[in-house]
Amino acid sequence: MSQVHTSTVAVIDYGMGNLHSVAKALEHVADEHTQVIVTSDPAVIDAADRVLLPGVGAIRDCIGEMHNTGLVPSIQKAMREKPFLAICVGIQSLMSHSEENGGVDCLNHFEGNALFFGDNHKDHDGSKLKVPHMGWNQVKQSISHPLWQGIPDNARFYFVHSYYVVPSNQNEVAGTCDYGLEFCVALARDNVFAVQFHPEKSHKDGLQLYKNFIHWDGKP
């Protein structure tokens, strides 16, 4: 009898926040041949079939802890070699630079910046909008992509953020959202996909995105 290969998904733990809900959501949609591992071990990340980079809190702490834990080389290696998903502040960490915390250099996988909505952010009609952008909002799919499979265009996802990404290359935008302005909430290039929203808090469409990731071969 041939042995069935177990596929591993490494959820990177660099000491920022509770990753339990992300891991639980992945486990919920995984089949019996998929193992979800929350890990801070570079060797485990290097050996995994797929890698998920979560993001919690302020960008300086996120980037700082990635460097302090020595995980940046493994993160960059995974982004070169295997299906890779970044979520929430994870998408901001992949940009060149963020305005947050007085300005922070990020991992520079996607050229562009993370910008602040502003203290006086307004809707199209001039009414004041709350920052952070928090709660449910519709995501318009800019491209056809395996990670959008089974998810209707303009599906609603859950957001909590004060900064939004502005990529230099508009061809890398995979999804947008409207909150006083139309802004990028999903980026895609080759084997890397990144989203601003929280899939694990976004009910069936969020779970579908995780399920798509578990089965994704890393091809656009």
N, C-alpha and C. Protein backbone atom coordinates (compact mmCIF):
# COMPACT_ATOMS: atom_id res chain seq x y z
N MET A 1 0.84 -1.19 0.00
CA MET A 1 0.00 0.00 0.00
C MET A 1 0.88 1.25 0.00
N SER A 2 0.55 2.19 -0.88
CA SER A 2 1.37 3.40 -0.94
C SER A 2 0.99 4.33 0.21
N GLN A 3 2.00 4.98 0.75
CA GLN A 3 1.76 5.88 1.88
C GLN A 3 1.24 7.22 1.35
N VAL A 4 0.19 7.73 1.98
CA VAL A 4 -0.36 9.02 1.58
C VAL A 4 0.48 10.12 2.21
N HIS A 5 0.92 11.06 1.37
CA HIS A 5 1.75 12.15 1.87
C HIS A 5 0.92 13.10 2.73
N THR A 6 1.44 13.43 3.90
CA THR A 6 0.79 14.42 4.75
C THR A 6 1.34 15.79 4.39
N SER A 7 0.44 16.69 4.10
CA SER A 7 0.82 18.06 3.76
C SER A 7 0.83 18.90 5.04
N THR A 8 1.84 19.75 5.19
CA THR A 8 1.92 20.58 6.39
C THR A 8 1.74 22.05 6.05
N VAL A 9 0.99 22.72 6.92
CA VAL A 9 0.84 24.18 6.83
C VAL A 9 1.47 24.77 8.09
N ALA A 10 2.51 25.57 7.91
CA ALA A 10 3.17 26.21 9.06
C ALA A 10 2.56 27.59 9.26
N VAL A 11 2.00 27.82 10.46
CA VAL A 11 1.53 29.15 10.85
C VAL A 11 2.67 29.77 11.67
N ILE A 12 3.24 30.85 11.15
CA ILE A 12 4.45 31.40 11.78
C ILE A 12 4.11 32.14 13.07
N ASP A 13 4.75 31.70 14.15
CA ASP A 13 4.58 32.33 15.46
C ASP A 13 5.85 33.12 15.78
N TYR A 14 5.76 34.45 15.63
CA TYR A 14 6.93 35.27 15.98
C TYR A 14 6.66 36.08 17.25
N GLY A 15 5.74 35.53 18.08
CA GLY A 15 5.50 36.11 19.40
C GLY A 15 4.49 37.23 19.44
N MET A 16 3.71 37.41 18.35
CA MET A 16 2.75 38.50 18.29
C MET A 16 1.32 37.96 18.26
N GLY A 17 0.64 38.02 19.40
CA GLY A 17 -0.79 37.71 19.40
C GLY A 17 -1.11 36.23 19.48
N ASN A 18 -2.40 35.97 19.62
CA ASN A 18 -2.91 34.61 19.76
C ASN A 18 -3.23 34.04 18.38
N LEU A 19 -2.51 33.02 18.00
CA LEU A 19 -2.69 32.43 16.67
C LEU A 19 -3.68 31.26 16.69
N HIS A 20 -4.27 31.04 17.85
CA HIS A 20 -5.16 29.89 18.05
C HIS A 20 -6.33 29.92 17.06
N SER A 21 -6.95 31.10 16.87
CA SER A 21 -8.14 31.18 16.01
C SER A 21 -7.78 30.92 14.55
N VAL A 22 -6.59 31.36 14.13
CA VAL A 22 -6.13 31.12 12.76
C VAL A 22 -5.91 29.62 12.55
N ALA A 23 -5.18 29.00 13.49
CA ALA A 23 -4.89 27.56 13.39
C ALA A 23 -6.18 26.74 13.43
N LYS A 24 -7.11 27.13 14.32
CA LYS A 24 -8.39 26.41 14.43
C LYS A 24 -9.18 26.48 13.12
N ALA A 25 -9.20 27.67 12.50
CA ALA A 25 -9.93 27.84 11.24
C ALA A 25 -9.31 26.98 10.14
N LEU A 26 -7.99 26.93 10.09
CA LEU A 26 -7.30 26.09 9.10
C LEU A 26 -7.60 24.61 9.34
N GLU A 27 -7.55 24.21 10.62
CA GLU A 27 -7.83 22.81 10.97
C GLU A 27 -9.27 22.43 10.61
N HIS A 28 -10.18 23.40 10.74
CA HIS A 28 -11.59 23.16 10.45
C HIS A 28 -11.81 22.79 8.98
N VAL A 29 -11.02 23.39 8.08
CA VAL A 29 -11.20 23.14 6.64
C VAL A 29 -10.20 22.13 6.08
N ALA A 30 -9.24 21.70 6.91
CA ALA A 30 -8.21 20.77 6.44
C ALA A 30 -8.76 19.35 6.37
N ASP A 31 -8.24 18.57 5.43
CA ASP A 31 -8.61 17.14 5.40
C ASP A 31 -7.64 16.36 6.29
N GLU A 32 -7.86 15.05 6.35
CA GLU A 32 -7.04 14.24 7.27
C GLU A 32 -5.58 14.14 6.86
N HIS A 33 -5.28 14.55 5.63
CA HIS A 33 -3.89 14.49 5.16
C HIS A 33 -3.14 15.81 5.35
N THR A 34 -3.80 16.78 6.00
CA THR A 34 -3.17 18.08 6.21
C THR A 34 -2.94 18.33 7.69
N GLN A 35 -1.71 18.69 8.02
CA GLN A 35 -1.36 18.98 9.41
C GLN A 35 -1.06 20.48 9.54
N VAL A 36 -1.71 21.12 10.50
CA VAL A 36 -1.48 22.54 10.77
C VAL A 36 -0.55 22.67 11.97
N ILE A 37 0.56 23.38 11.79
CA ILE A 37 1.55 23.52 12.86
C ILE A 37 1.81 24.99 13.14
N VAL A 38 1.55 25.42 14.38
CA VAL A 38 1.95 26.77 14.80
C VAL A 38 3.39 26.67 15.29
N THR A 39 4.30 27.43 14.67
CA THR A 39 5.72 27.21 14.94
C THR A 39 6.55 28.48 14.86
N SER A 40 7.61 28.50 15.68
CA SER A 40 8.60 29.57 15.59
C SER A 40 9.96 28.98 15.20
N ASP A 41 9.93 27.73 14.71
CA ASP A 41 11.16 27.00 14.37
C ASP A 41 11.45 27.15 12.87
N PRO A 42 12.56 27.82 12.52
CA PRO A 42 12.88 28.00 11.10
C PRO A 42 12.94 26.69 10.33
N ALA A 43 13.40 25.62 10.96
CA ALA A 43 13.52 24.32 10.28
C ALA A 43 12.13 23.76 9.92
N VAL A 44 11.16 23.96 10.80
CA VAL A 44 9.79 23.49 10.55
C VAL A 44 9.17 24.30 9.42
N ILE A 45 9.41 25.62 9.45
CA ILE A 45 8.89 26.49 8.39
C ILE A 45 9.52 26.10 7.05
N ASP A 46 10.83 25.87 7.05
CA ASP A 46 11.54 25.51 5.81
C ASP A 46 11.03 24.19 5.23
N ALA A 47 10.60 23.28 6.12
CA ALA A 47 10.16 21.95 5.68
C ALA A 47 8.68 21.90 5.32
N ALA A 48 7.92 22.93 5.69
CA ALA A 48 6.47 22.92 5.47
C ALA A 48 6.13 23.02 3.98
N ASP A 49 4.95 22.49 3.63
CA ASP A 49 4.49 22.57 2.24
C ASP A 49 3.89 23.94 1.93
N ARG A 50 3.26 24.54 2.96
CA ARG A 50 2.65 25.86 2.81
C ARG A 50 2.93 26.67 4.06
N VAL A 51 2.97 27.99 3.90
CA VAL A 51 3.30 28.85 5.03
C VAL A 51 2.30 30.00 5.12
N LEU A 52 1.80 30.25 6.35
CA LEU A 52 0.89 31.37 6.60
C LEU A 52 1.55 32.34 7.57
N LEU A 53 1.57 33.61 7.18
CA LEU A 53 2.14 34.67 8.02
C LEU A 53 1.01 35.54 8.56
N PRO A 54 0.70 35.41 9.87
CA PRO A 54 -0.33 36.26 10.45
C PRO A 54 0.28 37.61 10.83
N GLY A 55 -0.58 38.55 11.17
CA GLY A 55 -0.08 39.84 11.63
C GLY A 55 -1.00 40.40 12.68
N VAL A 56 -0.43 40.85 13.79
CA VAL A 56 -1.21 41.41 14.89
C VAL A 56 -0.49 42.65 15.42
N GLY A 57 -1.25 43.68 15.78
CA GLY A 57 -0.65 44.82 16.45
C GLY A 57 0.03 45.80 15.51
N ALA A 58 1.01 46.51 16.06
CA ALA A 58 1.68 47.58 15.32
C ALA A 58 2.83 47.01 14.49
N ILE A 59 3.07 47.66 13.36
CA ILE A 59 4.04 47.13 12.39
C ILE A 59 5.47 47.10 12.93
N ARG A 60 5.86 48.09 13.73
CA ARG A 60 7.24 48.09 14.23
C ARG A 60 7.50 46.85 15.08
N ASP A 61 6.51 46.52 15.93
CA ASP A 61 6.66 45.32 16.77
C ASP A 61 6.70 44.06 15.91
N CYS A 62 5.83 44.00 14.90
CA CYS A 62 5.78 42.83 14.01
C CYS A 62 7.12 42.60 13.33
N ILE A 63 7.60 43.63 12.64
CA ILE A 63 8.87 43.51 11.90
C ILE A 63 10.01 43.26 12.88
N GLY A 64 9.98 43.97 14.02
CA GLY A 64 11.02 43.80 15.04
C GLY A 64 11.11 42.37 15.54
N GLU A 65 9.94 41.77 15.84
CA GLU A 65 9.93 40.40 16.35
C GLU A 65 10.33 39.38 15.28
N MET A 66 9.96 39.65 14.02
CA MET A 66 10.41 38.75 12.93
C MET A 66 11.93 38.71 12.87
N HIS A 67 12.55 39.88 13.05
CA HIS A 67 14.02 39.94 13.04
C HIS A 67 14.61 39.35 14.33
N ASN A 68 14.01 39.71 15.48
CA ASN A 68 14.53 39.23 16.78
C ASN A 68 14.51 37.71 16.89
N THR A 69 13.47 37.10 16.31
CA THR A 69 13.34 35.64 16.39
C THR A 69 14.13 34.94 15.28
N GLY A 70 14.76 35.72 14.42
CA GLY A 70 15.58 35.13 13.35
C GLY A 70 14.77 34.46 12.26
N LEU A 71 13.49 34.85 12.12
CA LEU A 71 12.61 34.15 11.18
C LEU A 71 12.58 34.78 9.78
N VAL A 72 13.15 35.98 9.63
CA VAL A 72 13.07 36.66 8.33
C VAL A 72 13.64 35.82 7.18
N PRO A 73 14.82 35.18 7.33
CA PRO A 73 15.32 34.35 6.22
C PRO A 73 14.36 33.23 5.83
N SER A 74 13.72 32.59 6.82
CA SER A 74 12.77 31.51 6.53
C SER A 74 11.51 32.06 5.85
N ILE A 75 11.06 33.24 6.28
CA ILE A 75 9.90 33.87 5.66
C ILE A 75 10.21 34.20 4.19
N GLN A 76 11.38 34.78 3.97
CA GLN A 76 11.76 35.15 2.60
C GLN A 76 11.97 33.92 1.71
N LYS A 77 12.52 32.87 2.29
CA LYS A 77 12.73 31.62 1.55
C LYS A 77 11.36 31.02 1.16
N ALA A 78 10.43 31.02 2.10
CA ALA A 78 9.09 30.48 1.83
C ALA A 78 8.40 31.29 0.73
N MET A 79 8.58 32.61 0.74
CA MET A 79 7.95 33.45 -0.29
C MET A 79 8.53 33.19 -1.67
N ARG A 80 9.75 32.69 -1.71
CA ARG A 80 10.36 32.35 -3.00
C ARG A 80 9.93 30.97 -3.50
N GLU A 81 9.60 30.06 -2.57
CA GLU A 81 9.56 28.65 -2.93
C GLU A 81 8.22 27.93 -2.81
N LYS A 82 7.27 28.44 -2.01
CA LYS A 82 6.07 27.62 -1.74
C LYS A 82 4.84 28.48 -1.59
N PRO A 83 3.64 27.87 -1.64
CA PRO A 83 2.41 28.64 -1.43
C PRO A 83 2.48 29.38 -0.09
N PHE A 84 2.27 30.68 -0.16
CA PHE A 84 2.48 31.56 1.00
C PHE A 84 1.31 32.52 1.10
N LEU A 85 0.71 32.58 2.30
CA LEU A 85 -0.43 33.47 2.55
C LEU A 85 -0.11 34.37 3.73
N ALA A 86 -0.30 35.68 3.55
CA ALA A 86 -0.15 36.63 4.65
C ALA A 86 -1.50 37.26 4.93
N ILE A 87 -1.82 37.46 6.22
CA ILE A 87 -3.13 38.02 6.58
C ILE A 87 -2.98 39.22 7.52
N CYS A 88 -3.96 40.11 7.46
CA CYS A 88 -4.05 41.29 8.32
C CYS A 88 -2.76 42.12 8.25
N VAL A 89 -2.11 42.39 9.38
CA VAL A 89 -0.87 43.20 9.33
C VAL A 89 0.20 42.47 8.53
N GLY A 90 0.01 41.17 8.31
CA GLY A 90 0.94 40.40 7.47
C GLY A 90 1.09 41.01 6.08
N ILE A 91 -0.02 41.49 5.50
CA ILE A 91 0.07 42.10 4.16
C ILE A 91 0.92 43.37 4.22
N GLN A 92 0.75 44.15 5.31
CA GLN A 92 1.53 45.38 5.45
C GLN A 92 3.02 45.08 5.63
N SER A 93 3.31 43.98 6.32
CA SER A 93 4.72 43.62 6.55
C SER A 93 5.44 43.24 5.26
N LEU A 94 4.69 42.89 4.21
CA LEU A 94 5.32 42.50 2.95
C LEU A 94 5.62 43.70 2.05
N MET A 95 5.18 44.90 2.45
CA MET A 95 5.42 46.09 1.64
C MET A 95 6.84 46.61 1.87
N SER A 96 7.21 47.64 1.10
CA SER A 96 8.54 48.24 1.27
C SER A 96 8.63 49.03 2.57
N HIS A 97 7.53 49.75 2.88
CA HIS A 97 7.59 50.71 3.98
C HIS A 97 6.19 50.94 4.54
N SER A 98 6.11 51.28 5.82
CA SER A 98 4.83 51.65 6.44
C SER A 98 4.98 53.01 7.13
N GLU A 99 3.93 53.81 7.04
CA GLU A 99 3.91 55.11 7.75
C GLU A 99 3.75 54.93 9.26
N GLU A 100 3.31 53.78 9.69
CA GLU A 100 3.00 53.57 11.11
C GLU A 100 4.26 53.70 11.97
N ASN A 101 4.05 54.11 13.24
CA ASN A 101 5.15 54.23 14.21
C ASN A 101 6.26 55.17 13.72
N GLY A 102 5.88 56.20 13.00
CA GLY A 102 6.87 57.17 12.54
C GLY A 102 7.64 56.72 11.31
N GLY A 103 7.23 55.59 10.74
CA GLY A 103 7.89 55.07 9.53
C GLY A 103 8.74 53.85 9.83
N VAL A 104 8.41 52.74 9.19
CA VAL A 104 9.11 51.47 9.42
C VAL A 104 9.40 50.80 8.07
N ASP A 105 10.64 50.38 7.89
CA ASP A 105 10.98 49.59 6.70
C ASP A 105 10.47 48.17 6.89
N CYS A 106 9.80 47.66 5.87
CA CYS A 106 9.20 46.33 5.98
C CYS A 106 9.99 45.32 5.14
N LEU A 107 9.39 44.20 4.77
CA LEU A 107 10.15 43.10 4.13
C LEU A 107 10.38 43.31 2.63
N ASN A 108 9.65 44.27 2.04
CA ASN A 108 9.89 44.68 0.65
C ASN A 108 9.67 43.56 -0.37
N HIS A 109 8.71 42.68 -0.11
CA HIS A 109 8.38 41.67 -1.13
C HIS A 109 7.53 42.32 -2.23
N PHE A 110 6.58 43.15 -1.80
CA PHE A 110 5.78 43.94 -2.74
C PHE A 110 6.25 45.39 -2.63
N GLU A 111 6.60 45.98 -3.77
CA GLU A 111 7.02 47.38 -3.75
C GLU A 111 5.80 48.26 -3.48
N GLY A 112 5.95 49.20 -2.55
CA GLY A 112 4.84 50.08 -2.19
C GLY A 112 4.82 50.33 -0.70
N ASN A 113 3.81 51.06 -0.26
CA ASN A 113 3.76 51.52 1.12
C ASN A 113 2.43 51.21 1.80
N ALA A 114 2.47 51.20 3.13
CA ALA A 114 1.24 51.14 3.93
C ALA A 114 0.99 52.55 4.46
N LEU A 115 -0.19 53.11 4.15
CA LEU A 115 -0.53 54.48 4.51
C LEU A 115 -1.65 54.54 5.54
N PHE A 116 -1.65 55.62 6.34
CA PHE A 116 -2.66 55.84 7.38
C PHE A 116 -3.93 56.43 6.75
N PHE A 117 -5.11 55.90 7.13
CA PHE A 117 -6.36 56.48 6.64
C PHE A 117 -6.46 57.97 7.03
N GLY A 118 -5.91 58.30 8.19
CA GLY A 118 -5.94 59.70 8.66
C GLY A 118 -6.95 59.90 9.77
N ASP A 119 -6.67 60.88 10.63
CA ASP A 119 -7.57 61.17 11.76
C ASP A 119 -8.86 61.82 11.29
N ASN A 120 -8.83 62.40 10.09
CA ASN A 120 -10.00 63.10 9.57
C ASN A 120 -10.49 62.44 8.29
N HIS A 121 -10.54 61.10 8.31
CA HIS A 121 -10.92 60.34 7.11
C HIS A 121 -12.41 60.52 6.83
N LYS A 122 -12.73 60.82 5.58
CA LYS A 122 -14.13 61.11 5.22
C LYS A 122 -14.64 60.18 4.14
N ASP A 123 -15.96 59.95 4.17
CA ASP A 123 -16.62 59.17 3.13
C ASP A 123 -16.78 60.06 1.89
N HIS A 124 -17.25 59.44 0.82
CA HIS A 124 -17.38 60.17 -0.45
C HIS A 124 -18.33 61.37 -0.33
N ASP A 125 -19.28 61.30 0.61
CA ASP A 125 -20.24 62.40 0.76
C ASP A 125 -19.77 63.46 1.77
N GLY A 126 -18.54 63.28 2.28
CA GLY A 126 -17.98 64.26 3.22
C GLY A 126 -18.21 63.94 4.68
N SER A 127 -19.00 62.90 4.97
CA SER A 127 -19.24 62.53 6.37
C SER A 127 -18.00 61.83 6.94
N LYS A 128 -17.76 62.03 8.23
CA LYS A 128 -16.56 61.49 8.88
C LYS A 128 -16.67 59.98 9.06
N LEU A 129 -15.59 59.30 8.78
CA LEU A 129 -15.53 57.84 8.96
C LEU A 129 -14.62 57.50 10.13
N LYS A 130 -15.00 56.46 10.88
CA LYS A 130 -14.17 56.03 12.01
C LYS A 130 -12.90 55.35 11.53
N VAL A 131 -11.82 55.63 12.21
CA VAL A 131 -10.57 54.92 12.00
C VAL A 131 -10.15 54.38 13.36
N PRO A 132 -9.88 53.09 13.53
CA PRO A 132 -9.70 52.10 12.47
C PRO A 132 -10.99 51.73 11.70
N HIS A 133 -10.77 51.29 10.46
CA HIS A 133 -11.81 50.68 9.64
C HIS A 133 -12.09 49.33 10.29
N MET A 134 -13.25 49.19 10.90
CA MET A 134 -13.53 47.97 11.68
C MET A 134 -14.90 47.41 11.32
N GLY A 135 -14.94 46.12 11.08
CA GLY A 135 -16.20 45.45 10.80
C GLY A 135 -16.22 44.86 9.39
N TRP A 136 -17.44 44.62 8.91
CA TRP A 136 -17.62 43.93 7.63
C TRP A 136 -17.61 44.89 6.46
N ASN A 137 -16.97 44.49 5.39
CA ASN A 137 -16.99 45.28 4.17
C ASN A 137 -16.85 44.36 2.97
N GLN A 138 -17.35 44.83 1.83
CA GLN A 138 -17.33 44.03 0.61
C GLN A 138 -15.96 44.07 -0.06
N VAL A 139 -15.54 42.94 -0.58
CA VAL A 139 -14.28 42.85 -1.31
C VAL A 139 -14.56 42.57 -2.79
N LYS A 140 -14.09 43.49 -3.61
CA LYS A 140 -14.26 43.37 -5.05
C LYS A 140 -13.01 42.68 -5.60
N GLN A 141 -13.22 41.56 -6.27
CA GLN A 141 -12.08 40.79 -6.80
C GLN A 141 -11.57 41.44 -8.09
N SER A 142 -10.28 41.80 -8.08
CA SER A 142 -9.68 42.48 -9.23
C SER A 142 -9.19 41.50 -10.29
N ILE A 143 -8.89 40.28 -9.86
CA ILE A 143 -8.36 39.26 -10.77
C ILE A 143 -9.03 37.92 -10.46
N SER A 144 -8.93 37.02 -11.42
CA SER A 144 -9.33 35.64 -11.16
C SER A 144 -8.13 34.95 -10.52
N HIS A 145 -8.33 34.26 -9.42
CA HIS A 145 -7.21 33.64 -8.70
C HIS A 145 -7.71 32.39 -7.98
N PRO A 146 -6.87 31.34 -7.87
CA PRO A 146 -7.29 30.12 -7.17
C PRO A 146 -7.80 30.37 -5.74
N LEU A 147 -7.28 31.40 -5.07
CA LEU A 147 -7.73 31.64 -3.69
C LEU A 147 -9.11 32.30 -3.62
N TRP A 148 -9.59 32.82 -4.73
CA TRP A 148 -10.97 33.36 -4.78
C TRP A 148 -11.98 32.29 -5.20
N GLN A 149 -11.53 31.09 -5.50
CA GLN A 149 -12.43 30.04 -6.00
C GLN A 149 -13.55 29.77 -5.00
N GLY A 150 -14.80 29.76 -5.50
CA GLY A 150 -15.95 29.47 -4.64
C GLY A 150 -16.37 30.63 -3.76
N ILE A 151 -15.71 31.79 -3.91
CA ILE A 151 -16.06 32.99 -3.13
C ILE A 151 -16.68 34.00 -4.08
N PRO A 152 -17.92 34.41 -3.86
CA PRO A 152 -18.55 35.36 -4.79
C PRO A 152 -17.87 36.72 -4.77
N ASP A 153 -17.87 37.39 -5.92
CA ASP A 153 -17.36 38.76 -5.97
C ASP A 153 -18.22 39.62 -5.05
N ASN A 154 -17.59 40.58 -4.40
CA ASN A 154 -18.26 41.46 -3.42
C ASN A 154 -18.72 40.74 -2.16
N ALA A 155 -18.11 39.58 -1.88
CA ALA A 155 -18.36 38.90 -0.60
C ALA A 155 -17.85 39.80 0.53
N ARG A 156 -18.47 39.64 1.70
CA ARG A 156 -18.09 40.48 2.84
C ARG A 156 -17.08 39.77 3.73
N PHE A 157 -16.05 40.52 4.11
CA PHE A 157 -15.01 40.02 5.01
C PHE A 157 -14.85 40.98 6.19
N TYR A 158 -14.21 40.47 7.24
CA TYR A 158 -14.08 41.24 8.49
C TYR A 158 -12.73 41.94 8.57
N PHE A 159 -12.77 43.24 8.85
CA PHE A 159 -11.57 44.08 8.89
C PHE A 159 -11.37 44.73 10.26
N VAL A 160 -10.10 44.94 10.63
CA VAL A 160 -9.72 45.82 11.74
C VAL A 160 -8.35 46.40 11.37
N HIS A 161 -8.34 47.65 10.88
CA HIS A 161 -7.04 48.24 10.52
C HIS A 161 -7.15 49.76 10.34
N SER A 162 -6.04 50.44 10.57
CA SER A 162 -5.96 51.89 10.39
C SER A 162 -5.06 52.26 9.21
N TYR A 163 -4.33 51.27 8.70
CA TYR A 163 -3.40 51.49 7.58
C TYR A 163 -3.81 50.60 6.42
N TYR A 164 -3.56 51.08 5.20
CA TYR A 164 -3.92 50.31 4.00
C TYR A 164 -2.74 50.32 3.03
N VAL A 165 -2.62 49.28 2.23
CA VAL A 165 -1.45 49.15 1.36
C VAL A 165 -1.70 49.80 0.00
N VAL A 166 -0.65 50.44 -0.51
CA VAL A 166 -0.68 51.06 -1.84
C VAL A 166 0.51 50.50 -2.63
N PRO A 167 0.27 49.43 -3.40
CA PRO A 167 1.37 48.83 -4.15
C PRO A 167 1.76 49.69 -5.36
N SER A 168 3.04 49.66 -5.70
CA SER A 168 3.53 50.39 -6.87
C SER A 168 3.01 49.78 -8.16
N ASN A 169 2.90 48.45 -8.16
CA ASN A 169 2.45 47.73 -9.35
C ASN A 169 0.97 47.37 -9.21
N GLN A 170 0.12 48.08 -9.94
CA GLN A 170 -1.33 47.84 -9.84
C GLN A 170 -1.73 46.46 -10.35
N ASN A 171 -0.89 45.83 -11.15
CA ASN A 171 -1.18 44.47 -11.64
C ASN A 171 -1.12 43.44 -10.53
N GLU A 172 -0.55 43.80 -9.38
CA GLU A 172 -0.46 42.87 -8.24
C GLU A 172 -1.68 42.95 -7.33
N VAL A 173 -2.58 43.90 -7.60
CA VAL A 173 -3.80 44.04 -6.78
C VAL A 173 -4.77 42.91 -7.13
N ALA A 174 -5.16 42.14 -6.11
CA ALA A 174 -6.08 41.01 -6.32
C ALA A 174 -7.48 41.30 -5.81
N GLY A 175 -7.61 42.33 -4.98
CA GLY A 175 -8.91 42.69 -4.44
C GLY A 175 -8.90 44.09 -3.85
N THR A 176 -10.07 44.76 -3.91
CA THR A 176 -10.18 46.12 -3.36
C THR A 176 -11.43 46.24 -2.50
N CYS A 177 -11.46 47.33 -1.75
CA CYS A 177 -12.54 47.60 -0.82
C CYS A 177 -12.78 49.10 -0.84
N ASP A 178 -13.98 49.54 -0.49
CA ASP A 178 -14.27 50.97 -0.46
C ASP A 178 -14.56 51.42 0.95
N TYR A 179 -13.79 52.39 1.43
CA TYR A 179 -14.02 53.01 2.74
C TYR A 179 -13.54 54.46 2.64
N GLY A 180 -14.36 55.27 2.01
CA GLY A 180 -13.97 56.65 1.76
C GLY A 180 -13.09 56.80 0.54
N LEU A 181 -12.38 55.75 0.22
CA LEU A 181 -11.59 55.64 -1.00
C LEU A 181 -11.51 54.16 -1.36
N GLU A 182 -11.25 53.89 -2.61
CA GLU A 182 -11.06 52.49 -3.00
C GLU A 182 -9.61 52.14 -2.72
N PHE A 183 -9.39 51.08 -1.94
CA PHE A 183 -8.01 50.72 -1.58
C PHE A 183 -7.80 49.22 -1.73
N CYS A 184 -6.55 48.85 -1.82
CA CYS A 184 -6.15 47.45 -2.04
C CYS A 184 -6.29 46.66 -0.74
N VAL A 185 -6.96 45.49 -0.82
CA VAL A 185 -7.06 44.61 0.36
C VAL A 185 -6.52 43.21 0.07
N ALA A 186 -6.08 42.97 -1.17
CA ALA A 186 -5.47 41.67 -1.49
C ALA A 186 -4.41 41.87 -2.56
N LEU A 187 -3.28 41.21 -2.37
CA LEU A 187 -2.16 41.28 -3.31
C LEU A 187 -1.79 39.87 -3.74
N ALA A 188 -1.39 39.72 -4.98
CA ALA A 188 -0.98 38.41 -5.47
C ALA A 188 0.16 38.55 -6.47
N ARG A 189 1.16 37.70 -6.27
CA ARG A 189 2.21 37.55 -7.27
C ARG A 189 2.80 36.15 -7.14
N ASP A 190 2.75 35.42 -8.23
CA ASP A 190 3.30 34.06 -8.25
C ASP A 190 2.71 33.23 -7.11
N ASN A 191 3.54 32.74 -6.20
CA ASN A 191 3.10 31.83 -5.14
C ASN A 191 2.72 32.56 -3.84
N VAL A 192 2.66 33.89 -3.88
CA VAL A 192 2.35 34.66 -2.67
C VAL A 192 1.00 35.36 -2.83
N PHE A 193 0.17 35.22 -1.79
CA PHE A 193 -1.13 35.90 -1.74
C PHE A 193 -1.23 36.55 -0.36
N ALA A 194 -1.74 37.77 -0.31
CA ALA A 194 -1.81 38.48 0.98
C ALA A 194 -3.12 39.25 1.05
N VAL A 195 -3.75 39.23 2.24
CA VAL A 195 -5.03 39.92 2.42
C VAL A 195 -5.00 40.78 3.68
N GLN A 196 -5.75 41.91 3.64
CA GLN A 196 -5.83 42.81 4.79
C GLN A 196 -6.85 42.33 5.82
N PHE A 197 -7.86 41.62 5.38
CA PHE A 197 -8.94 41.20 6.29
C PHE A 197 -8.55 39.95 7.09
N HIS A 198 -9.43 39.58 8.00
CA HIS A 198 -9.22 38.38 8.84
C HIS A 198 -10.08 37.24 8.30
N PRO A 199 -9.53 36.30 7.54
CA PRO A 199 -10.35 35.18 7.05
C PRO A 199 -10.99 34.39 8.20
N GLU A 200 -10.25 34.22 9.30
CA GLU A 200 -10.76 33.38 10.40
C GLU A 200 -11.96 34.01 11.11
N LYS A 201 -12.21 35.32 10.87
CA LYS A 201 -13.36 36.00 11.47
C LYS A 201 -14.45 36.27 10.42
N SER A 202 -14.26 35.72 9.22
CA SER A 202 -15.13 36.07 8.10
C SER A 202 -16.07 34.95 7.65
N HIS A 203 -16.44 34.09 8.61
CA HIS A 203 -17.45 33.05 8.34
C HIS A 203 -17.10 32.19 7.12
N LYS A 204 -18.11 31.83 6.34
CA LYS A 204 -17.90 30.80 5.31
C LYS A 204 -16.95 31.24 4.20
N ASP A 205 -16.99 32.52 3.82
CA ASP A 205 -16.10 32.95 2.74
C ASP A 205 -14.63 32.99 3.21
N GLY A 206 -14.43 33.35 4.46
CA GLY A 206 -13.08 33.31 5.02
C GLY A 206 -12.55 31.89 5.12
N LEU A 207 -13.43 30.99 5.56
CA LEU A 207 -13.04 29.58 5.63
C LEU A 207 -12.77 29.01 4.24
N GLN A 208 -13.55 29.47 3.24
CA GLN A 208 -13.33 29.01 1.87
C GLN A 208 -11.96 29.46 1.38
N LEU A 209 -11.55 30.68 1.74
CA LEU A 209 -10.23 31.16 1.33
C LEU A 209 -9.13 30.29 1.95
N TYR A 210 -9.29 29.94 3.23
CA TYR A 210 -8.31 29.05 3.88
C TYR A 210 -8.31 27.67 3.22
N LYS A 211 -9.47 27.18 2.89
CA LYS A 211 -9.57 25.87 2.22
C LYS A 211 -8.86 25.93 0.86
N ASN A 212 -9.10 27.02 0.12
CA ASN A 212 -8.42 27.19 -1.16
C ASN A 212 -6.90 27.20 -0.98
N PHE A 213 -6.44 27.87 0.09
CA PHE A 213 -5.01 27.94 0.35
C PHE A 213 -4.41 26.56 0.63
N ILE A 214 -5.14 25.77 1.41
CA ILE A 214 -4.66 24.42 1.77
C ILE A 214 -4.48 23.54 0.52
N HIS A 215 -5.29 23.81 -0.52
CA HIS A 215 -5.21 23.00 -1.74
C HIS A 215 -4.45 23.70 -2.87
N TRP A 216 -3.93 24.90 -2.60
CA TRP A 216 -3.28 25.70 -3.66
C TRP A 216 -1.89 25.17 -3.95
N ASP A 217 -1.58 25.07 -5.25
CA ASP A 217 -0.24 24.61 -5.64
C ASP A 217 0.76 25.76 -5.80
N GLY A 218 0.30 26.99 -5.53
CA GLY A 218 1.21 28.14 -5.63
C GLY A 218 1.26 28.78 -7.00
N LYS A 219 0.45 28.25 -7.92
CA LYS A 219 0.42 28.86 -9.26
C LYS A 219 -0.74 29.86 -9.34
N PRO A 220 -0.51 30.99 -10.02
CA PRO A 220 -1.56 32.02 -10.09
C PRO A 220 -2.82 31.51 -10.79
